Amino acid sequence: MRLWVFGPALCLLIALALTACSGRALPYYGEGKVMTTYPHDPAAFTQGLDFDGETLYESTGLYGESSIRRVDLETGDVLEIEHLPAEFFGEGCTVWKDSLIQLTWKAGTGFVYDKEAFGVLDRFGYPGEGWGLTTDGRRLIMSDGTSTLRFLDPETFQELDRIEVLDRGEPVDRLNELEWIRGQVWANVWQTPSIVRIDPKSGEVLGWIDLSRLAEEETGGVLNGIAVQGRHVYVTGKRWSSIYRIEVQPAQPTPAGS
């Protein structure tokens, strides 16, 4: 379910406390520094974000408003759009070869599109909910709102494997939008201003990225949307006015008494 609400700085405070208790080096916790800002459709309830070369794709949600779209990063203009039938709530998306694949939330149905013509090529089913989607170049990686990541065959959509995401033995649930970045899975954690970095082999948490300062500036909705283009990482959120290119820097501890 999607009813939890947390203060924007909560995850960083928890992170700093855990660092003090565990002895783990502070760079385990990073902060996202904004390097460049781009316009974003403030009506877009962003569920997925993915680059294919220079082309940016976005999946949006809500019943009656869900879509898959091709977006101009520099202007924020929607260049192409395909609306989902009103009974589907769009979720994460990723590019696979010549196709664009999109999940839906509770319908157990995914859509396969021609990434150029945008027509629907196929549908496929899966058990449970669909949340985030990415690929490691061999398999699709899917989140379902729990602490589990599923690995799917990108041609048959059959489940190949799954892992549980754990931070020092504790499950990290509400994993949402996903992105494959330099051999790791990065995931938005629903209703927090945080991104978690995950080892795709073990499920171990490799680090946290705090974006609470950025989230405080965007009042439209929660952080959701991660995309990578080369060495550059981009983030946005639901009904946010901008997409941000960020760099991750070690989090700085809060001075005593501040």
C-alpha atoms as a PDB file:
ATOM      1  CA  MET A   1       0.000   0.000   0.000  1.00  0.00           C
ATOM      2  CA  ARG A   2       1.077   3.602  -0.496  1.00  0.00           C
ATOM      3  CA  LEU A   3      -0.014   5.504   2.588  1.00  0.00           C
ATOM      4  CA  TRP A   4       3.241   6.159   4.481  1.00  0.00           C
ATOM      5  CA  VAL A   5       4.499   9.738   4.790  1.00  0.00           C
ATOM      6  CA  PHE A   6       7.873  10.662   6.280  1.00  0.00           C
ATOM      7  CA  GLY A   7       9.540  13.966   7.061  1.00  0.00           C
ATOM      8  CA  PRO A   8      12.014  14.913   4.317  1.00  0.00           C
ATOM      9  CA  ALA A   9      15.090  14.736   6.525  1.00  0.00           C
ATOM     10  CA  LEU A  10      14.158  11.552   8.377  1.00  0.00           C
ATOM     11  CA  CYS A  11      16.209   9.152   6.286  1.00  0.00           C
ATOM     12  CA  LEU A  12      19.384  11.226   6.611  1.00  0.00           C
ATOM     13  CA  LEU A  13      18.971  11.446  10.380  1.00  0.00           C
ATOM     14  CA  ILE A  14      18.479   7.684  10.585  1.00  0.00           C
ATOM     15  CA  ALA A  15      21.484   7.211   8.327  1.00  0.00           C
ATOM     16  CA  LEU A  16      23.730   9.327  10.522  1.00  0.00           C
ATOM     17  CA  ALA A  17      22.525   7.555  13.656  1.00  0.00           C
ATOM     18  CA  LEU A  18      23.160   4.154  12.106  1.00  0.00           C
ATOM     19  CA  THR A  19      26.613   5.267  11.054  1.00  0.00           C
ATOM     20  CA  ALA A  20      27.463   6.192  14.644  1.00  0.00           C
ATOM     21  CA  CYS A  21      26.169   2.857  15.918  1.00  0.00           C
ATOM     22  CA  SER A  22      27.615   0.599  13.234  1.00  0.00           C
ATOM     23  CA  GLY A  23      30.992   2.204  12.663  1.00  0.00           C
ATOM     24  CA  ARG A  24      30.342   2.212   8.903  1.00  0.00           C
ATOM     25  CA  ALA A  25      32.194   4.958   7.023  1.00  0.00           C
ATOM     26  CA  LEU A  26      30.111   8.057   6.333  1.00  0.00           C
ATOM     27  CA  PRO A  27      30.473   7.885   2.490  1.00  0.00           C
ATOM     28  CA  TYR A  28      27.992   4.987   2.738  1.00  0.00           C
ATOM     29  CA  TYR A  29      25.518   7.865   2.917  1.00  0.00           C
ATOM     30  CA  GLY A  30      25.569  10.329   0.058  1.00  0.00           C
ATOM     31  CA  GLU A  31      23.729  13.532  -0.763  1.00  0.00           C
ATOM     32  CA  GLY A  32      22.574  14.454  -4.249  1.00  0.00           C
ATOM     33  CA  LYS A  33      23.970  17.803  -5.399  1.00  0.00           C
ATOM     34  CA  VAL A  34      22.076  19.440  -8.264  1.00  0.00           C
ATOM     35  CA  MET A  35      24.315  20.202 -11.237  1.00  0.00           C
ATOM     36  CA  THR A  36      21.751  21.104 -13.929  1.00  0.00           C
ATOM     37  CA  THR A  37      17.999  21.672 -13.970  1.00  0.00           C
ATOM     38  CA  TYR A  38      15.639  20.858 -16.843  1.00  0.00           C
ATOM     39  CA  PRO A  39      11.910  21.586 -17.233  1.00  0.00           C
ATOM     40  CA  HIS A  40       9.447  18.774 -16.516  1.00  0.00           C
ATOM     41  CA  ASP A  41       5.710  18.478 -17.104  1.00  0.00           C
ATOM     42  CA  PRO A  42       4.262  19.289 -13.646  1.00  0.00           C
ATOM     43  CA  ALA A  43       1.133  17.270 -14.481  1.00  0.00           C
ATOM     44  CA  ALA A  44       3.167  14.073 -14.994  1.00  0.00           C
ATOM     45  CA  PHE A  45       2.706  11.559 -12.171  1.00  0.00           C
ATOM     46  CA  THR A  46       6.113  10.051 -12.864  1.00  0.00           C
ATOM     47  CA  GLN A  47       6.483   6.314 -12.380  1.00  0.00           C
ATOM     48  CA  GLY A  48       9.489   5.497 -14.559  1.00  0.00           C
ATOM     49  CA  LEU A  49      12.301   7.331 -16.336  1.00  0.00           C
ATOM     50  CA  ASP A  50      14.775   5.828 -18.807  1.00  0.00           C
ATOM     51  CA  PHE A  51      17.287   7.009 -21.400  1.00  0.00           C
ATOM     52  CA  ASP A  52      17.998   5.204 -24.659  1.00  0.00           C
ATOM     53  CA  GLY A  53      20.988   7.101 -26.012  1.00  0.00           C
ATOM     54  CA  GLU A  54      19.805  10.696 -26.286  1.00  0.00           C
ATOM     55  CA  THR A  55      16.123   9.732 -26.094  1.00  0.00           C
ATOM     56  CA  LEU A  56      14.299  10.082 -22.778  1.00  0.00           C
ATOM     57  CA  TYR A  57      11.241   7.945 -22.034  1.00  0.00           C
ATOM     58  CA  GLU A  58       8.848   8.477 -19.147  1.00  0.00           C
ATOM     59  CA  SER A  59       6.028   6.384 -17.709  1.00  0.00           C
ATOM     60  CA  THR A  60       3.218   8.088 -15.796  1.00  0.00           C
ATOM     61  CA  GLY A  61       0.518   6.737 -13.513  1.00  0.00           C
ATOM     62  CA  LEU A  62      -2.973   7.273 -12.058  1.00  0.00           C
ATOM     63  CA  TYR A  63      -6.158   5.713 -13.365  1.00  0.00           C
ATOM     64  CA  GLY A  64      -7.360   7.572 -16.442  1.00  0.00           C
ATOM     65  CA  GLU A  65      -4.094   9.527 -16.732  1.00  0.00           C
ATOM     66  CA  SER A  66      -1.442   6.842 -17.264  1.00  0.00           C
ATOM     67  CA  SER A  67       0.826   7.071 -20.276  1.00  0.00           C
ATOM     68  CA  ILE A  68       4.127   6.219 -21.863  1.00  0.00           C
ATOM     69  CA  ARG A  69       5.890   9.154 -23.489  1.00  0.00           C
ATOM     70  CA  ARG A  70       8.991  10.334 -25.304  1.00  0.00           C
ATOM     71  CA  VAL A  71      10.264  13.579 -23.801  1.00  0.00           C
ATOM     72  CA  ASP A  72      12.680  16.313 -24.872  1.00  0.00           C
ATOM     73  CA  LEU A  73      15.025  16.725 -21.907  1.00  0.00           C
ATOM     74  CA  GLU A  74      16.074  20.274 -22.757  1.00  0.00           C
ATOM     75  CA  THR A  75      12.558  21.717 -23.185  1.00  0.00           C
ATOM     76  CA  GLY A  76      10.376  19.285 -21.247  1.00  0.00           C
ATOM     77  CA  ASP A  77       8.134  18.936 -24.311  1.00  0.00           C
ATOM     78  CA  VAL A  78       6.277  15.654 -24.772  1.00  0.00           C
ATOM     79  CA  LEU A  79       7.251  14.503 -28.272  1.00  0.00           C
ATOM     80  CA  GLU A  80       5.180  11.314 -28.394  1.00  0.00           C
ATOM     81  CA  ILE A  81       2.583   9.844 -26.053  1.00  0.00           C
ATOM     82  CA  GLU A  82       0.563   6.653 -25.771  1.00  0.00           C
ATOM     83  CA  HIS A  83      -2.255   6.646 -23.230  1.00  0.00           C
ATOM     84  CA  LEU A  84      -3.138   3.498 -21.326  1.00  0.00           C
ATOM     85  CA  PRO A  85      -6.752   2.353 -21.071  1.00  0.00           C
ATOM     86  CA  ALA A  86      -8.405   3.965 -18.061  1.00  0.00           C
ATOM     87  CA  GLU A  87      -8.482   0.716 -16.060  1.00  0.00           C
ATOM     88  CA  PHE A  88      -4.671   0.567 -15.923  1.00  0.00           C
ATOM     89  CA  PHE A  89      -2.406   2.451 -13.498  1.00  0.00           C
ATOM     90  CA  GLY A  90       0.971   2.849 -15.221  1.00  0.00           C
ATOM     91  CA  GLU A  91       4.172   2.033 -13.339  1.00  0.00           C
ATOM     92  CA  GLY A  92       7.887   1.611 -14.202  1.00  0.00           C
ATOM     93  CA  CYS A  93       9.345   1.326 -17.699  1.00  0.00           C
ATOM     94  CA  THR A  94      12.574   0.319 -19.394  1.00  0.00           C
ATOM     95  CA  VAL A  95      13.984  -0.054 -22.906  1.00  0.00           C
ATOM     96  CA  TRP A  96      14.807  -3.531 -24.188  1.00  0.00           C
ATOM     97  CA  LYS A  97      16.333  -3.684 -27.696  1.00  0.00           C
ATOM     98  CA  ASP A  98      13.720  -2.151 -30.032  1.00  0.00           C
ATOM     99  CA  SER A  99      10.961  -2.266 -27.455  1.00  0.00           C
ATOM    100  CA  LEU A 100       9.754  -0.221 -24.525  1.00  0.00           C
ATOM    101  CA  ILE A 101       8.326  -2.225 -21.639  1.00  0.00           C
ATOM    102  CA  GLN A 102       5.932  -0.806 -19.049  1.00  0.00           C
ATOM    103  CA  LEU A 103       4.406  -2.314 -15.903  1.00  0.00           C
ATOM    104  CA  THR A 104       1.051  -1.534 -14.332  1.00  0.00           C
ATOM    105  CA  TRP A 105       0.267  -1.435 -10.624  1.00  0.00           C
ATOM    106  CA  LYS A 106      -2.463  -3.893  -9.587  1.00  0.00           C
ATOM    107  CA  ALA A 107      -3.655  -5.318 -12.921  1.00  0.00           C
ATOM    108  CA  GLY A 108      -0.841  -7.869 -13.269  1.00  0.00           C
ATOM    109  CA  THR A 109      -0.364  -6.701 -16.864  1.00  0.00           C
ATOM    110  CA  GLY A 110       2.663  -5.311 -18.647  1.00  0.00           C
ATOM    111  CA  PHE A 111       2.773  -3.622 -22.051  1.00  0.00           C
ATOM    112  CA  VAL A 112       5.392  -3.923 -24.785  1.00  0.00           C
ATOM    113  CA  TYR A 113       5.641  -1.014 -27.245  1.00  0.00           C
ATOM    114  CA  ASP A 114       7.594  -0.330 -30.386  1.00  0.00           C
ATOM    115  CA  LYS A 115       9.990   2.281 -29.017  1.00  0.00           C
ATOM    116  CA  GLU A 116       9.920   4.261 -32.272  1.00  0.00           C
ATOM    117  CA  ALA A 117       6.320   3.957 -33.491  1.00  0.00           C
ATOM    118  CA  PHE A 118       4.900   3.723 -29.931  1.00  0.00           C
ATOM    119  CA  GLY A 119       2.276   1.179 -30.903  1.00  0.00           C
ATOM    120  CA  VAL A 120       1.461  -1.667 -28.500  1.00  0.00           C
ATOM    121  CA  LEU A 121       3.175  -4.853 -29.672  1.00  0.00           C
ATOM    122  CA  ASP A 122       2.216  -7.227 -26.879  1.00  0.00           C
ATOM    123  CA  ARG A 123       0.941  -7.679 -23.339  1.00  0.00           C
ATOM    124  CA  PHE A 124       2.241 -10.016 -20.645  1.00  0.00           C
ATOM    125  CA  GLY A 125       1.172 -11.052 -17.172  1.00  0.00           C
ATOM    126  CA  TYR A 126       2.876 -11.374 -13.783  1.00  0.00           C
ATOM    127  CA  PRO A 127       1.719 -12.200 -10.251  1.00  0.00           C
ATOM    128  CA  GLY A 128       1.404  -9.485  -7.637  1.00  0.00           C
ATOM    129  CA  GLU A 129       1.919  -5.764  -8.118  1.00  0.00           C
ATOM    130  CA  GLY A 130       4.189  -3.970 -10.581  1.00  0.00           C
ATOM    131  CA  TRP A 131       6.234  -0.996  -9.363  1.00  0.00           C
ATOM    132  CA  GLY A 132       9.696  -0.335 -10.846  1.00  0.00           C
ATOM    133  CA  LEU A 133      11.485  -1.807 -13.874  1.00  0.00           C
ATOM    134  CA  THR A 134      15.027  -1.742 -15.270  1.00  0.00           C
ATOM    135  CA  THR A 135      17.457  -4.074 -17.050  1.00  0.00           C
ATOM    136  CA  ASP A 136      21.037  -5.211 -16.534  1.00  0.00           C
ATOM    137  CA  GLY A 137      21.379  -5.897 -20.261  1.00  0.00           C
ATOM    138  CA  ARG A 138      20.467  -9.575 -19.873  1.00  0.00           C
ATOM    139  CA  ARG A 139      17.398  -9.630 -17.633  1.00  0.00           C
ATOM    140  CA  LEU A 140      14.574  -7.367 -16.591  1.00  0.00           C
ATOM    141  CA  ILE A 141      14.660  -6.363 -12.918  1.00  0.00           C
ATOM    142  CA  MET A 142      11.310  -5.626 -11.319  1.00  0.00           C
ATOM    143  CA  SER A 143      10.142  -4.304  -7.954  1.00  0.00           C
ATOM    144  CA  ASP A 144       6.708  -5.003  -6.512  1.00  0.00           C
ATOM    145  CA  GLY A 145       6.477  -2.698  -3.487  1.00  0.00           C
ATOM    146  CA  THR A 146       8.112  -5.155  -1.100  1.00  0.00           C
ATOM    147  CA  SER A 147      11.787  -5.766  -0.264  1.00  0.00           C
ATOM    148  CA  THR A 148      12.025  -8.255  -3.152  1.00  0.00           C
ATOM    149  CA  LEU A 149      13.549  -7.716  -6.593  1.00  0.00           C
ATOM    150  CA  ARG A 150      12.513 -10.146  -9.315  1.00  0.00           C
ATOM    151  CA  PHE A 151      14.623 -11.025 -12.361  1.00  0.00           C
ATOM    152  CA  LEU A 152      12.653 -11.773 -15.539  1.00  0.00           C
ATOM    153  CA  ASP A 153      13.496 -13.156 -18.956  1.00  0.00           C
ATOM    154  CA  PRO A 154      13.030 -10.127 -21.280  1.00  0.00           C
ATOM    155  CA  GLU A 155      11.631 -12.281 -24.098  1.00  0.00           C
ATOM    156  CA  THR A 156       9.254 -14.600 -22.226  1.00  0.00           C
ATOM    157  CA  PHE A 157       8.762 -12.522 -19.043  1.00  0.00           C
ATOM    158  CA  GLN A 158       9.134 -15.660 -16.945  1.00  0.00           C
ATOM    159  CA  GLU A 159      10.724 -15.182 -13.527  1.00  0.00           C
ATOM    160  CA  LEU A 160      14.329 -16.403 -13.431  1.00  0.00           C
ATOM    161  CA  ASP A 161      15.375 -15.457  -9.917  1.00  0.00           C
ATOM    162  CA  ARG A 162      14.660 -13.119  -7.021  1.00  0.00           C
ATOM    163  CA  ILE A 163      16.567 -11.549  -4.142  1.00  0.00           C
ATOM    164  CA  GLU A 164      15.589  -9.837  -0.926  1.00  0.00           C
ATOM    165  CA  VAL A 165      17.106  -6.408  -0.308  1.00  0.00           C
ATOM    166  CA  LEU A 166      18.633  -6.167   3.161  1.00  0.00           C
ATOM    167  CA  ASP A 167      20.446  -3.396   5.019  1.00  0.00           C
ATOM    168  CA  ARG A 168      22.515  -5.049   7.763  1.00  0.00           C
ATOM    169  CA  GLY A 169      20.029  -7.902   7.849  1.00  0.00           C
ATOM    170  CA  GLU A 170      16.897  -5.720   7.867  1.00  0.00           C
ATOM    171  CA  PRO A 171      14.541  -5.803   4.847  1.00  0.00           C
ATOM    172  CA  VAL A 172      14.207  -2.572   2.852  1.00  0.00           C
ATOM    173  CA  ASP A 173      10.664  -2.544   1.530  1.00  0.00           C
ATOM    174  CA  ARG A 174       8.626  -0.181  -0.662  1.00  0.00           C
ATOM    175  CA  LEU A 175      11.272  -0.419  -3.398  1.00  0.00           C
ATOM    176  CA  ASN A 176       9.858   1.573  -6.281  1.00  0.00           C
ATOM    177  CA  GLU A 177      11.364   3.052  -9.470  1.00  0.00           C
ATOM    178  CA  LEU A 178      14.598   1.266 -10.466  1.00  0.00           C
ATOM    179  CA  GLU A 179      17.691   2.074 -12.533  1.00  0.00           C
ATOM    180  CA  TRP A 180      20.763   0.000 -13.398  1.00  0.00           C
ATOM    181  CA  ILE A 181      23.802   2.203 -12.710  1.00  0.00           C
ATOM    182  CA  ARG A 182      27.392   0.969 -12.940  1.00  0.00           C
ATOM    183  CA  GLY A 183      26.621  -2.589 -11.922  1.00  0.00           C
ATOM    184  CA  GLN A 184      24.209  -1.657  -9.139  1.00  0.00           C
ATOM    185  CA  VAL A 185      20.453  -1.342  -8.858  1.00  0.00           C
ATOM    186  CA  TRP A 186      19.397   2.082  -7.634  1.00  0.00           C
ATOM    187  CA  ALA A 187      15.862   2.270  -6.234  1.00  0.00           C
ATOM    188  CA  ASN A 188      13.585   5.000  -5.003  1.00  0.00           C
ATOM    189  CA  VAL A 189      12.100   4.081  -1.636  1.00  0.00           C
ATOM    190  CA  TRP A 190       8.443   5.032  -1.787  1.00  0.00           C
ATOM    191  CA  GLN A 191       7.376   8.045   0.266  1.00  0.00           C
ATOM    192  CA  THR A 192      10.945   8.962   1.247  1.00  0.00           C
ATOM    193  CA  PRO A 193      13.465  11.390  -0.289  1.00  0.00           C
ATOM    194  CA  SER A 194      15.991   8.549  -0.521  1.00  0.00           C
ATOM    195  CA  ILE A 195      17.575   6.319  -3.140  1.00  0.00           C
ATOM    196  CA  VAL A 196      19.065   2.999  -2.065  1.00  0.00           C
ATOM    197  CA  ARG A 197      22.005   1.381  -3.910  1.00  0.00           C
ATOM    198  CA  ILE A 198      21.742  -2.415  -4.111  1.00  0.00           C
ATOM    199  CA  ASP A 199      24.138  -5.248  -4.939  1.00  0.00           C
ATOM    200  CA  PRO A 200      22.186  -7.219  -7.581  1.00  0.00           C
ATOM    201  CA  LYS A 201      23.851 -10.520  -6.648  1.00  0.00           C
ATOM    202  CA  SER A 202      23.380 -10.550  -2.896  1.00  0.00           C
ATOM    203  CA  GLY A 203      20.637  -7.967  -2.341  1.00  0.00           C
ATOM    204  CA  GLU A 204      22.906  -6.202   0.169  1.00  0.00           C
ATOM    205  CA  VAL A 205      22.483  -2.450   0.484  1.00  0.00           C
ATOM    206  CA  LEU A 206      25.661  -0.715  -0.664  1.00  0.00           C
ATOM    207  CA  GLY A 207      24.617   2.803   0.250  1.00  0.00           C
ATOM    208  CA  TRP A 208      21.928   5.446   0.575  1.00  0.00           C
ATOM    209  CA  ILE A 209      21.551   8.754  -1.272  1.00  0.00           C
ATOM    210  CA  ASP A 210      19.664  11.522   0.502  1.00  0.00           C
ATOM    211  CA  LEU A 211      17.738  14.007  -1.655  1.00  0.00           C
ATOM    212  CA  SER A 212      15.714  15.667   1.096  1.00  0.00           C
ATOM    213  CA  ARG A 213      17.016  19.165   0.312  1.00  0.00           C
ATOM    214  CA  LEU A 214      15.881  18.797  -3.280  1.00  0.00           C
ATOM    215  CA  ALA A 215      12.545  17.253  -2.306  1.00  0.00           C
ATOM    216  CA  GLU A 216      11.816  20.194  -0.002  1.00  0.00           C
ATOM    217  CA  GLU A 217      11.900  22.498  -3.039  1.00  0.00           C
ATOM    218  CA  GLU A 218       9.374  20.406  -4.985  1.00  0.00           C
ATOM    219  CA  THR A 219       5.885  20.509  -3.491  1.00  0.00           C
ATOM    220  CA  GLY A 220       4.090  18.542  -6.212  1.00  0.00           C
ATOM    221  CA  GLY A 221       4.725  15.057  -4.872  1.00  0.00           C
ATOM    222  CA  VAL A 222       7.317  12.535  -3.780  1.00  0.00           C
ATOM    223  CA  LEU A 223      10.678  11.698  -5.299  1.00  0.00           C
ATOM    224  CA  ASN A 224      10.269   9.088  -8.047  1.00  0.00           C
ATOM    225  CA  GLY A 225      12.274   8.704 -11.227  1.00  0.00           C
ATOM    226  CA  ILE A 226      15.922   7.789 -11.831  1.00  0.00           C
ATOM    227  CA  ALA A 227      17.664   7.731 -15.202  1.00  0.00           C
ATOM    228  CA  VAL A 228      21.283   7.452 -16.303  1.00  0.00           C
ATOM    229  CA  GLN A 229      22.929   8.733 -19.459  1.00  0.00           C
ATOM    230  CA  GLY A 230      26.634   7.916 -19.627  1.00  0.00           C
ATOM    231  CA  ARG A 231      28.119   9.056 -16.319  1.00  0.00           C
ATOM    232  CA  HIS A 232      25.239  11.425 -15.588  1.00  0.00           C
ATOM    233  CA  VAL A 233      22.380  10.616 -13.224  1.00  0.00           C
ATOM    234  CA  TYR A 234      18.996  12.338 -13.448  1.00  0.00           C
ATOM    235  CA  VAL A 235      16.146  12.353 -10.937  1.00  0.00           C
ATOM    236  CA  THR A 236      12.630  13.719 -10.737  1.00  0.00           C
ATOM    237  CA  GLY A 237       9.379  13.132  -8.873  1.00  0.00           C
ATOM    238  CA  LYS A 238       5.646  12.894  -9.211  1.00  0.00           C
ATOM    239  CA  ARG A 239       4.274  16.209 -10.500  1.00  0.00           C
ATOM    240  CA  TRP A 240       7.674  17.838 -10.106  1.00  0.00           C
ATOM    241  CA  SER A 241       8.404  20.945 -12.128  1.00  0.00           C
ATOM    242  CA  SER A 242      11.948  19.871 -13.024  1.00  0.00           C
ATOM    243  CA  ILE A 243      14.281  16.996 -13.828  1.00  0.00           C
ATOM    244  CA  TYR A 244      17.660  17.328 -12.103  1.00  0.00           C
ATOM    245  CA  ARG A 245      21.079  16.097 -13.079  1.00  0.00           C
ATOM    246  CA  ILE A 246      22.836  15.279  -9.833  1.00  0.00           C
ATOM    247  CA  GLU A 247      26.204  14.257  -8.492  1.00  0.00           C
ATOM    248  CA  VAL A 248      26.425  12.195  -5.330  1.00  0.00           C
ATOM    249  CA  GLN A 249      28.696  13.509  -2.597  1.00  0.00           C
ATOM    250  CA  PRO A 250      29.393  12.165   0.920  1.00  0.00           C
ATOM    251  CA  ALA A 251      26.737  13.312   3.362  1.00  0.00           C
ATOM    252  CA  GLN A 252      27.923  15.831   5.887  1.00  0.00           C
ATOM    253  CA  PRO A 253      27.085  15.211   9.566  1.00  0.00           C
ATOM    254  CA  THR A 254      24.849  17.779  11.229  1.00  0.00           C
ATOM    255  CA  PRO A 255      26.850  19.942  13.690  1.00  0.00           C
ATOM    256  CA  ALA A 256      25.961  19.406  17.328  1.00  0.00           C
ATOM    257  CA  GLY A 257      23.398  21.889  18.576  1.00  0.00           C
ATOM    258  CA  SER A 258      22.244  22.980  15.131  1.00  0.00           C
END
